[in-house]
Amino acid sequence: MSADTFDLVQLKDGSHTLRDRLTGETFHPVVGPMIEARAIHIAPLQLARRLRENPRLTLWDVGLGAAANAIALLENLRVVEDDFEIVLASFDQTLAPARFALEHAEALDYPMAWRKELGELLATGATSIRFDTGKIVEWIFVEGDFTRFPPAPVPDAVIYDPYSPAKNAAMWSLDHFTGLRRRLPRPAVLTSYSRSTAVRVTLLLAGFFVGTGNATGEKEETTLAATDLVLLDRPLSAEWLQRVRRSTKSAPLGNHPGGPIPENDWQRLLAHPQFFGLGL
């Protein structure tokens, strides 16, 4: 993949984003990169509150892409009043979309204020950002296949934004999410643009607790997962479980060719700590 496999796409509000010609997928469609990144990924992290409790956090940005999520995160951190030290690890198999974003920074707008930092990341794989005395972000790029979990510091939060299950099935499978959950030994949250019943079932069976995330664009809700139920403001309910039982597309991803949830997986779902004892 190279930077010339992408096109600029103008959205209804006049802003621009990227389209990958190889997969046909558009990055942050409908409302554009910054609005979507802030709503789905940045706001749910509640970074100002978390940094008051722990000023040293590690964040994973899974799917660096055109760097919109990472830049939205940096913009959020710039206005945090407390001192902090953060490691931001961005994962991807290629820097091509990030290079395209830097080359088209003026049209995309969001990279404009971060051209120096993004350029350093592209050139060396790391950049150090100092907002004020005591406010530090070490931004590193981790290249490789994320399904193989390239070495990186243990995270406190995961921004999960790879290509969709239709184009990148391995990164949404039960085996993959189970492996990811094992790599989160301390309290952590995971944000996702998906609202799919099958994705939520897969996350739950992998050992996560799952709730609804913020609305954005044409989506009335997205998904937030966590290693502990107390980290979710809006956990999925018994009513959602009933919809799973009725759904024709609720089988966990990767282990089945789609369809309704198999009986053994349904029983496992009922035994999950988030739902155990509901009597369904």
C-alpha atoms as a PDB file:
ATOM      1  CA  MET A   1       0.000   0.000   0.000  1.00  0.00           C
ATOM      2  CA  SER A   2       1.282   3.473  -0.886  1.00  0.00           C
ATOM      3  CA  ALA A   3       0.012   7.013  -0.448  1.00  0.00           C
ATOM      4  CA  ASP A   4      -1.222   7.088  -4.052  1.00  0.00           C
ATOM      5  CA  THR A   5      -3.844   4.402  -3.297  1.00  0.00           C
ATOM      6  CA  PHE A   6      -5.916   7.020  -1.438  1.00  0.00           C
ATOM      7  CA  ASP A   7      -8.241   9.754  -2.627  1.00  0.00           C
ATOM      8  CA  LEU A   8      -9.568  12.882  -0.966  1.00  0.00           C
ATOM      9  CA  VAL A   9     -13.332  12.749  -0.457  1.00  0.00           C
ATOM     10  CA  GLN A  10     -15.426  15.831   0.286  1.00  0.00           C
ATOM     11  CA  LEU A  11     -18.230  15.301   2.798  1.00  0.00           C
ATOM     12  CA  LYS A  12     -21.600  17.055   2.935  1.00  0.00           C
ATOM     13  CA  ASP A  13     -20.365  19.690   5.378  1.00  0.00           C
ATOM     14  CA  GLY A  14     -17.494  20.594   3.053  1.00  0.00           C
ATOM     15  CA  SER A  15     -14.761  18.901   5.089  1.00  0.00           C
ATOM     16  CA  HIS A  16     -12.505  16.243   3.605  1.00  0.00           C
ATOM     17  CA  THR A  17     -11.473  12.719   4.496  1.00  0.00           C
ATOM     18  CA  LEU A  18      -9.713   9.774   2.824  1.00  0.00           C
ATOM     19  CA  ARG A  19     -10.986   6.902   0.739  1.00  0.00           C
ATOM     20  CA  ASP A  20      -8.920   3.745   0.283  1.00  0.00           C
ATOM     21  CA  ARG A  21      -9.303   2.646  -3.335  1.00  0.00           C
ATOM     22  CA  LEU A  22      -8.051  -0.886  -2.583  1.00  0.00           C
ATOM     23  CA  THR A  23     -10.734  -1.701   0.011  1.00  0.00           C
ATOM     24  CA  GLY A  24     -13.395   0.847  -0.940  1.00  0.00           C
ATOM     25  CA  GLU A  25     -13.550   2.035   2.687  1.00  0.00           C
ATOM     26  CA  THR A  26     -13.835   5.706   3.628  1.00  0.00           C
ATOM     27  CA  PHE A  27     -12.152   6.909   6.809  1.00  0.00           C
ATOM     28  CA  HIS A  28     -14.523   8.582   9.297  1.00  0.00           C
ATOM     29  CA  PRO A  29     -17.425   8.947   6.841  1.00  0.00           C
ATOM     30  CA  VAL A  30     -20.498  11.186   7.189  1.00  0.00           C
ATOM     31  CA  VAL A  31     -19.312  13.653   9.856  1.00  0.00           C
ATOM     32  CA  GLY A  32     -15.591  13.701   9.121  1.00  0.00           C
ATOM     33  CA  PRO A  33     -12.433  12.730  10.998  1.00  0.00           C
ATOM     34  CA  MET A  34     -12.408  15.096  13.981  1.00  0.00           C
ATOM     35  CA  ILE A  35     -16.098  15.004  14.906  1.00  0.00           C
ATOM     36  CA  GLU A  36     -16.172  11.216  14.742  1.00  0.00           C
ATOM     37  CA  ALA A  37     -12.879  10.755  16.585  1.00  0.00           C
ATOM     38  CA  ARG A  38     -13.926  13.050  19.430  1.00  0.00           C
ATOM     39  CA  ALA A  39     -17.362  11.460  19.837  1.00  0.00           C
ATOM     40  CA  ILE A  40     -16.475   7.777  19.518  1.00  0.00           C
ATOM     41  CA  HIS A  41     -12.972   7.553  20.898  1.00  0.00           C
ATOM     42  CA  ILE A  42     -11.873  10.604  22.867  1.00  0.00           C
ATOM     43  CA  ALA A  43     -14.906  11.629  24.953  1.00  0.00           C
ATOM     44  CA  PRO A  44     -15.514   8.112  26.374  1.00  0.00           C
ATOM     45  CA  LEU A  45     -11.928   7.931  27.668  1.00  0.00           C
ATOM     46  CA  GLN A  46     -12.634  10.777  30.137  1.00  0.00           C
ATOM     47  CA  LEU A  47      -8.938  11.583  30.155  1.00  0.00           C
ATOM     48  CA  ALA A  48      -9.083  14.648  32.403  1.00  0.00           C
ATOM     49  CA  ARG A  49     -10.676  12.588  35.176  1.00  0.00           C
ATOM     50  CA  ARG A  50      -8.421   9.578  34.670  1.00  0.00           C
ATOM     51  CA  LEU A  51      -5.272  11.684  34.681  1.00  0.00           C
ATOM     52  CA  ARG A  52      -6.222  13.197  38.014  1.00  0.00           C
ATOM     53  CA  GLU A  53      -6.286   9.650  39.390  1.00  0.00           C
ATOM     54  CA  ASN A  54      -3.159   8.492  37.534  1.00  0.00           C
ATOM     55  CA  PRO A  55      -0.944  11.018  35.701  1.00  0.00           C
ATOM     56  CA  ARG A  56       0.950   8.271  33.882  1.00  0.00           C
ATOM     57  CA  LEU A  57      -1.088   6.434  31.262  1.00  0.00           C
ATOM     58  CA  THR A  58      -0.360   4.294  28.220  1.00  0.00           C
ATOM     59  CA  LEU A  59      -2.824   4.487  25.339  1.00  0.00           C
ATOM     60  CA  TRP A  60      -3.044   2.219  22.308  1.00  0.00           C
ATOM     61  CA  ASP A  61      -4.192   3.687  18.990  1.00  0.00           C
ATOM     62  CA  VAL A  62      -5.000   0.555  16.998  1.00  0.00           C
ATOM     63  CA  GLY A  63      -5.227   1.552  13.361  1.00  0.00           C
ATOM     64  CA  LEU A  64      -3.149   4.733  13.044  1.00  0.00           C
ATOM     65  CA  GLY A  65      -4.570   5.220   9.561  1.00  0.00           C
ATOM     66  CA  ALA A  66      -4.503   8.906   8.678  1.00  0.00           C
ATOM     67  CA  ALA A  67      -3.747   9.832  12.324  1.00  0.00           C
ATOM     68  CA  ALA A  68      -7.112  11.495  12.996  1.00  0.00           C
ATOM     69  CA  ASN A  69      -7.763   9.644  16.256  1.00  0.00           C
ATOM     70  CA  ALA A  70      -4.246  10.297  17.515  1.00  0.00           C
ATOM     71  CA  ILE A  71      -4.456  13.995  16.661  1.00  0.00           C
ATOM     72  CA  ALA A  72      -7.884  14.304  18.294  1.00  0.00           C
ATOM     73  CA  LEU A  73      -6.328  12.746  21.393  1.00  0.00           C
ATOM     74  CA  LEU A  74      -3.419  15.208  21.351  1.00  0.00           C
ATOM     75  CA  GLU A  75      -5.816  18.133  21.017  1.00  0.00           C
ATOM     76  CA  ASN A  76      -7.772  16.858  24.009  1.00  0.00           C
ATOM     77  CA  LEU A  77      -4.624  16.479  26.080  1.00  0.00           C
ATOM     78  CA  ARG A  78      -3.459  19.990  25.231  1.00  0.00           C
ATOM     79  CA  VAL A  79      -6.297  21.501  27.303  1.00  0.00           C
ATOM     80  CA  VAL A  80      -5.943  19.155  30.297  1.00  0.00           C
ATOM     81  CA  GLU A  81      -4.858  21.283  33.251  1.00  0.00           C
ATOM     82  CA  ASP A  82      -3.013  18.657  35.307  1.00  0.00           C
ATOM     83  CA  ASP A  83       0.521  17.488  34.621  1.00  0.00           C
ATOM     84  CA  PHE A  84       0.912  14.071  33.002  1.00  0.00           C
ATOM     85  CA  GLU A  85       3.223  11.665  31.232  1.00  0.00           C
ATOM     86  CA  ILE A  86       1.579   9.634  28.491  1.00  0.00           C
ATOM     87  CA  VAL A  87       2.805   7.005  26.073  1.00  0.00           C
ATOM     88  CA  LEU A  88       0.706   6.897  22.896  1.00  0.00           C
ATOM     89  CA  ALA A  89       1.429   3.766  20.850  1.00  0.00           C
ATOM     90  CA  SER A  90      -0.049   3.829  17.340  1.00  0.00           C
ATOM     91  CA  PHE A  91      -0.259   0.481  15.545  1.00  0.00           C
ATOM     92  CA  ASP A  92      -0.543  -0.183  11.825  1.00  0.00           C
ATOM     93  CA  GLN A  93       0.963  -2.271   9.051  1.00  0.00           C
ATOM     94  CA  THR A  94       1.626   0.794   6.929  1.00  0.00           C
ATOM     95  CA  LEU A  95       2.262   4.516   7.210  1.00  0.00           C
ATOM     96  CA  ALA A  96       0.779   5.165   3.758  1.00  0.00           C
ATOM     97  CA  PRO A  97      -2.491   6.823   4.893  1.00  0.00           C
ATOM     98  CA  ALA A  98      -0.613   8.943   7.442  1.00  0.00           C
ATOM     99  CA  ARG A  99       1.789  10.063   4.705  1.00  0.00           C
ATOM    100  CA  PHE A 100      -1.182  10.918   2.498  1.00  0.00           C
ATOM    101  CA  ALA A 101      -2.715  12.930   5.357  1.00  0.00           C
ATOM    102  CA  LEU A 102       0.504  14.889   5.855  1.00  0.00           C
ATOM    103  CA  GLU A 103       0.816  15.557   2.132  1.00  0.00           C
ATOM    104  CA  HIS A 104      -2.791  16.818   2.054  1.00  0.00           C
ATOM    105  CA  ALA A 105      -2.785  18.517   5.452  1.00  0.00           C
ATOM    106  CA  GLU A 106      -4.269  21.758   4.147  1.00  0.00           C
ATOM    107  CA  ALA A 107      -7.285  20.064   2.545  1.00  0.00           C
ATOM    108  CA  LEU A 108      -7.856  17.774   5.519  1.00  0.00           C
ATOM    109  CA  ASP A 109      -7.212  20.622   7.994  1.00  0.00           C
ATOM    110  CA  TYR A 110      -6.841  18.513  11.159  1.00  0.00           C
ATOM    111  CA  PRO A 111      -3.131  17.658  10.555  1.00  0.00           C
ATOM    112  CA  MET A 112      -2.140  21.314   9.996  1.00  0.00           C
ATOM    113  CA  ALA A 113      -1.189  22.136  13.601  1.00  0.00           C
ATOM    114  CA  TRP A 114       0.616  18.802  14.012  1.00  0.00           C
ATOM    115  CA  ARG A 115       2.667  18.611  10.818  1.00  0.00           C
ATOM    116  CA  LYS A 116       5.992  18.713  12.676  1.00  0.00           C
ATOM    117  CA  GLU A 117       5.056  15.933  15.113  1.00  0.00           C
ATOM    118  CA  LEU A 118       3.447  13.757  12.445  1.00  0.00           C
ATOM    119  CA  GLY A 119       6.452  14.272  10.178  1.00  0.00           C
ATOM    120  CA  GLU A 120       8.813  13.160  12.950  1.00  0.00           C
ATOM    121  CA  LEU A 121       6.689  10.086  13.618  1.00  0.00           C
ATOM    122  CA  LEU A 122       6.768   9.165   9.922  1.00  0.00           C
ATOM    123  CA  ALA A 123      10.515   9.758   9.653  1.00  0.00           C
ATOM    124  CA  THR A 124      11.762   8.120  12.852  1.00  0.00           C
ATOM    125  CA  GLY A 125       8.881   6.142  14.378  1.00  0.00           C
ATOM    126  CA  ALA A 126       8.684   8.362  17.456  1.00  0.00           C
ATOM    127  CA  THR A 127       8.175  11.941  18.580  1.00  0.00           C
ATOM    128  CA  SER A 128       8.139  13.647  21.963  1.00  0.00           C
ATOM    129  CA  ILE A 129       5.486  16.305  22.562  1.00  0.00           C
ATOM    130  CA  ARG A 130       5.782  18.754  25.471  1.00  0.00           C
ATOM    131  CA  PHE A 131       2.781  21.012  25.954  1.00  0.00           C
ATOM    132  CA  ASP A 132       3.879  22.768  29.163  1.00  0.00           C
ATOM    133  CA  THR A 133       6.248  21.932  31.967  1.00  0.00           C
ATOM    134  CA  GLY A 134       5.281  18.485  33.216  1.00  0.00           C
ATOM    135  CA  LYS A 135       2.970  17.635  30.287  1.00  0.00           C
ATOM    136  CA  ILE A 136       4.605  15.054  28.066  1.00  0.00           C
ATOM    137  CA  VAL A 137       3.353  12.694  25.354  1.00  0.00           C
ATOM    138  CA  GLU A 138       5.722  10.141  23.888  1.00  0.00           C
ATOM    139  CA  TRP A 139       4.119   9.137  20.573  1.00  0.00           C
ATOM    140  CA  ILE A 140       5.528   5.950  19.044  1.00  0.00           C
ATOM    141  CA  PHE A 141       4.652   3.959  15.945  1.00  0.00           C
ATOM    142  CA  VAL A 142       4.496   0.165  16.234  1.00  0.00           C
ATOM    143  CA  GLU A 143       4.611  -1.441  12.794  1.00  0.00           C
ATOM    144  CA  GLY A 144       3.258  -4.918  12.181  1.00  0.00           C
ATOM    145  CA  ASP A 145       0.257  -7.201  12.085  1.00  0.00           C
ATOM    146  CA  PHE A 146      -1.764  -6.364  15.207  1.00  0.00           C
ATOM    147  CA  THR A 147      -3.279  -9.853  15.287  1.00  0.00           C
ATOM    148  CA  ARG A 148       0.233 -10.987  16.259  1.00  0.00           C
ATOM    149  CA  PHE A 149       0.366  -8.347  19.031  1.00  0.00           C
ATOM    150  CA  PRO A 150       3.652  -6.542  18.349  1.00  0.00           C
ATOM    151  CA  PRO A 151       5.511  -5.697  21.587  1.00  0.00           C
ATOM    152  CA  ALA A 152       4.279  -2.508  23.267  1.00  0.00           C
ATOM    153  CA  PRO A 153       3.760  -1.156  26.800  1.00  0.00           C
ATOM    154  CA  VAL A 154       0.627  -2.453  28.583  1.00  0.00           C
ATOM    155  CA  PRO A 155      -2.232   0.002  27.921  1.00  0.00           C
ATOM    156  CA  ASP A 156      -4.784   1.714  30.140  1.00  0.00           C
ATOM    157  CA  ALA A 157      -7.073   2.356  27.164  1.00  0.00           C
ATOM    158  CA  VAL A 158      -7.419   1.148  23.577  1.00  0.00           C
ATOM    159  CA  ILE A 159      -8.736   3.210  20.673  1.00  0.00           C
ATOM    160  CA  TYR A 160      -9.836   0.417  18.350  1.00  0.00           C
ATOM    161  CA  ASP A 161     -10.269   1.606  14.769  1.00  0.00           C
ATOM    162  CA  PRO A 162      -9.113  -0.948  12.182  1.00  0.00           C
ATOM    163  CA  TYR A 163     -10.894  -1.547   8.882  1.00  0.00           C
ATOM    164  CA  SER A 164     -14.337  -3.110   9.180  1.00  0.00           C
ATOM    165  CA  PRO A 165     -14.987  -6.829   9.764  1.00  0.00           C
ATOM    166  CA  ALA A 166     -15.947  -7.142   6.105  1.00  0.00           C
ATOM    167  CA  LYS A 167     -12.452  -6.029   5.021  1.00  0.00           C
ATOM    168  CA  ASN A 168     -10.344  -7.061   8.020  1.00  0.00           C
ATOM    169  CA  ALA A 169     -12.040 -10.088   9.576  1.00  0.00           C
ATOM    170  CA  ALA A 170      -9.022 -11.309  11.572  1.00  0.00           C
ATOM    171  CA  MET A 171      -8.984  -8.220  13.785  1.00  0.00           C
ATOM    172  CA  TRP A 172     -12.616  -8.736  14.813  1.00  0.00           C
ATOM    173  CA  SER A 173     -12.544 -12.472  15.519  1.00  0.00           C
ATOM    174  CA  LEU A 174     -13.190 -14.180  18.840  1.00  0.00           C
ATOM    175  CA  ASP A 175      -9.671 -15.607  18.920  1.00  0.00           C
ATOM    176  CA  HIS A 176      -8.166 -12.158  18.384  1.00  0.00           C
ATOM    177  CA  PHE A 177     -10.280 -10.371  21.004  1.00  0.00           C
ATOM    178  CA  THR A 178      -9.571 -13.186  23.481  1.00  0.00           C
ATOM    179  CA  GLY A 179      -5.857 -12.652  22.948  1.00  0.00           C
ATOM    180  CA  LEU A 180      -6.277  -8.898  23.302  1.00  0.00           C
ATOM    181  CA  ARG A 181      -8.195  -9.299  26.566  1.00  0.00           C
ATOM    182  CA  ARG A 182      -5.325 -11.386  27.988  1.00  0.00           C
ATOM    183  CA  ARG A 183      -2.987  -8.485  27.275  1.00  0.00           C
ATOM    184  CA  LEU A 184      -5.000  -6.076  29.435  1.00  0.00           C
ATOM    185  CA  PRO A 185      -4.067  -7.076  32.994  1.00  0.00           C
ATOM    186  CA  ARG A 186      -5.067  -3.771  34.578  1.00  0.00           C
ATOM    187  CA  PRO A 187      -8.305  -1.730  34.310  1.00  0.00           C
ATOM    188  CA  ALA A 188      -8.755  -0.607  30.704  1.00  0.00           C
ATOM    189  CA  VAL A 189     -11.436   0.537  28.275  1.00  0.00           C
ATOM    190  CA  LEU A 190     -11.723  -0.076  24.534  1.00  0.00           C
ATOM    191  CA  THR A 191     -13.597   2.252  22.179  1.00  0.00           C
ATOM    192  CA  SER A 192     -15.057   1.135  18.845  1.00  0.00           C
ATOM    193  CA  TYR A 193     -17.138   2.604  16.032  1.00  0.00           C
ATOM    194  CA  SER A 194     -19.075  -0.673  15.648  1.00  0.00           C
ATOM    195  CA  ARG A 195     -22.667  -1.123  16.796  1.00  0.00           C
ATOM    196  CA  SER A 196     -22.889  -4.693  15.469  1.00  0.00           C
ATOM    197  CA  THR A 197     -24.613  -7.290  17.638  1.00  0.00           C
ATOM    198  CA  ALA A 198     -22.093  -9.893  16.471  1.00  0.00           C
ATOM    199  CA  VAL A 199     -19.128  -7.673  17.414  1.00  0.00           C
ATOM    200  CA  ARG A 200     -20.594  -7.088  20.879  1.00  0.00           C
ATOM    201  CA  VAL A 201     -21.242 -10.805  21.375  1.00  0.00           C
ATOM    202  CA  THR A 202     -17.652 -11.499  20.304  1.00  0.00           C
ATOM    203  CA  LEU A 203     -16.240  -8.976  22.796  1.00  0.00           C
ATOM    204  CA  LEU A 204     -18.347 -10.413  25.621  1.00  0.00           C
ATOM    205  CA  LEU A 205     -17.316 -14.006  24.883  1.00  0.00           C
ATOM    206  CA  ALA A 206     -13.694 -12.837  24.765  1.00  0.00           C
ATOM    207  CA  GLY A 207     -14.012 -11.720  28.394  1.00  0.00           C
ATOM    208  CA  PHE A 208     -14.839  -8.024  28.096  1.00  0.00           C
ATOM    209  CA  PHE A 209     -17.732  -6.182  29.679  1.00  0.00           C
ATOM    210  CA  VAL A 210     -19.610  -4.250  26.991  1.00  0.00           C
ATOM    211  CA  GLY A 211     -21.754  -1.149  26.872  1.00  0.00           C
ATOM    212  CA  THR A 212     -23.058   1.417  24.422  1.00  0.00           C
ATOM    213  CA  GLY A 213     -20.843   4.237  23.194  1.00  0.00           C
ATOM    214  CA  ASN A 214     -21.706   7.671  21.868  1.00  0.00           C
ATOM    215  CA  ALA A 215     -23.751   8.397  18.769  1.00  0.00           C
ATOM    216  CA  THR A 216     -22.069   9.812  15.692  1.00  0.00           C
ATOM    217  CA  GLY A 217     -23.259  10.651  12.200  1.00  0.00           C
ATOM    218  CA  GLU A 218     -25.855   8.102  11.119  1.00  0.00           C
ATOM    219  CA  LYS A 219     -25.127   5.784  14.062  1.00  0.00           C
ATOM    220  CA  GLU A 220     -27.407   6.175  17.072  1.00  0.00           C
ATOM    221  CA  GLU A 221     -24.800   4.432  19.232  1.00  0.00           C
ATOM    222  CA  THR A 222     -21.373   2.801  19.091  1.00  0.00           C
ATOM    223  CA  THR A 223     -19.598   0.366  21.438  1.00  0.00           C
ATOM    224  CA  LEU A 224     -17.489   0.682  24.562  1.00  0.00           C
ATOM    225  CA  ALA A 225     -15.822  -2.371  26.119  1.00  0.00           C
ATOM    226  CA  ALA A 226     -13.929  -2.646  29.402  1.00  0.00           C
ATOM    227  CA  THR A 227     -12.093  -5.051  31.641  1.00  0.00           C
ATOM    228  CA  ASP A 228     -14.387  -4.148  34.566  1.00  0.00           C
ATOM    229  CA  LEU A 229     -18.106  -3.411  34.646  1.00  0.00           C
ATOM    230  CA  VAL A 230     -17.612  -0.298  36.802  1.00  0.00           C
ATOM    231  CA  LEU A 231     -15.839   1.383  33.878  1.00  0.00           C
ATOM    232  CA  LEU A 232     -19.054   1.392  31.806  1.00  0.00           C
ATOM    233  CA  ASP A 233     -21.710   4.083  32.224  1.00  0.00           C
ATOM    234  CA  ARG A 234     -24.219   2.295  29.970  1.00  0.00           C
ATOM    235  CA  PRO A 235     -23.676  -1.483  30.072  1.00  0.00           C
ATOM    236  CA  LEU A 236     -25.698  -3.695  27.744  1.00  0.00           C
ATOM    237  CA  SER A 237     -28.892  -4.855  29.434  1.00  0.00           C
ATOM    238  CA  ALA A 238     -31.230  -7.831  29.620  1.00  0.00           C
ATOM    239  CA  GLU A 239     -33.275  -6.213  26.855  1.00  0.00           C
ATOM    240  CA  TRP A 240     -30.222  -6.294  24.582  1.00  0.00           C
ATOM    241  CA  LEU A 241     -29.738  -9.990  25.412  1.00  0.00           C
ATOM    242  CA  GLN A 242     -33.273 -10.708  24.253  1.00  0.00           C
ATOM    243  CA  ARG A 243     -32.466  -9.016  20.938  1.00  0.00           C
ATOM    244  CA  VAL A 244     -29.393 -11.237  20.620  1.00  0.00           C
ATOM    245  CA  ARG A 245     -31.584 -14.326  21.000  1.00  0.00           C
ATOM    246  CA  ARG A 246     -33.923 -13.117  18.250  1.00  0.00           C
ATOM    247  CA  SER A 247     -31.207 -11.887  15.889  1.00  0.00           C
ATOM    248  CA  THR A 248     -30.273 -13.787  12.745  1.00  0.00           C
ATOM    249  CA  LYS A 249     -26.762 -12.236  12.792  1.00  0.00           C
ATOM    250  CA  SER A 250     -25.550 -12.691  16.370  1.00  0.00           C
ATOM    251  CA  ALA A 251     -22.986 -15.507  16.112  1.00  0.00           C
ATOM    252  CA  PRO A 252     -19.516 -14.564  17.387  1.00  0.00           C
ATOM    253  CA  LEU A 253     -17.158 -13.548  14.607  1.00  0.00           C
ATOM    254  CA  GLY A 254     -14.463 -15.843  13.317  1.00  0.00           C
ATOM    255  CA  ASN A 255     -15.767 -19.158  14.629  1.00  0.00           C
ATOM    256  CA  HIS A 256     -18.993 -19.389  12.628  1.00  0.00           C
ATOM    257  CA  PRO A 257     -20.121 -18.471   9.103  1.00  0.00           C
ATOM    258  CA  GLY A 258     -22.569 -15.894  10.461  1.00  0.00           C
ATOM    259  CA  GLY A 259     -26.162 -16.611  11.405  1.00  0.00           C
ATOM    260  CA  PRO A 260     -27.846 -16.704  14.820  1.00  0.00           C
ATOM    261  CA  ILE A 261     -25.895 -17.351  17.990  1.00  0.00           C
ATOM    262  CA  PRO A 262     -25.296 -21.104  18.556  1.00  0.00           C
ATOM    263  CA  GLU A 263     -26.791 -22.608  21.706  1.00  0.00           C
ATOM    264  CA  ASN A 264     -23.450 -23.247  23.409  1.00  0.00           C
ATOM    265  CA  ASP A 265     -22.386 -19.622  22.866  1.00  0.00           C
ATOM    266  CA  TRP A 266     -25.773 -18.425  24.104  1.00  0.00           C
ATOM    267  CA  GLN A 267     -25.266 -20.343  27.323  1.00  0.00           C
ATOM    268  CA  ARG A 268     -21.785 -18.884  27.698  1.00  0.00           C
ATOM    269  CA  LEU A 269     -23.243 -15.419  27.200  1.00  0.00           C
ATOM    270  CA  LEU A 270     -25.853 -15.993  29.904  1.00  0.00           C
ATOM    271  CA  ALA A 271     -23.076 -17.097  32.275  1.00  0.00           C
ATOM    272  CA  HIS A 272     -21.039 -13.948  31.658  1.00  0.00           C
ATOM    273  CA  PRO A 273     -20.641 -11.891  34.880  1.00  0.00           C
ATOM    274  CA  GLN A 274     -22.408  -8.983  33.194  1.00  0.00           C
ATOM    275  CA  PHE A 275     -25.610 -11.048  32.796  1.00  0.00           C
ATOM    276  CA  PHE A 276     -25.306 -13.967  35.202  1.00  0.00           C
ATOM    277  CA  GLY A 277     -28.425 -14.467  37.292  1.00  0.00           C
ATOM    278  CA  LEU A 278     -30.848 -12.587  35.036  1.00  0.00           C
ATOM    279  CA  GLY A 279     -32.918 -15.753  34.595  1.00  0.00           C
ATOM    280  CA  LEU A 280     -33.430 -15.454  30.838  1.00  0.00           C
END
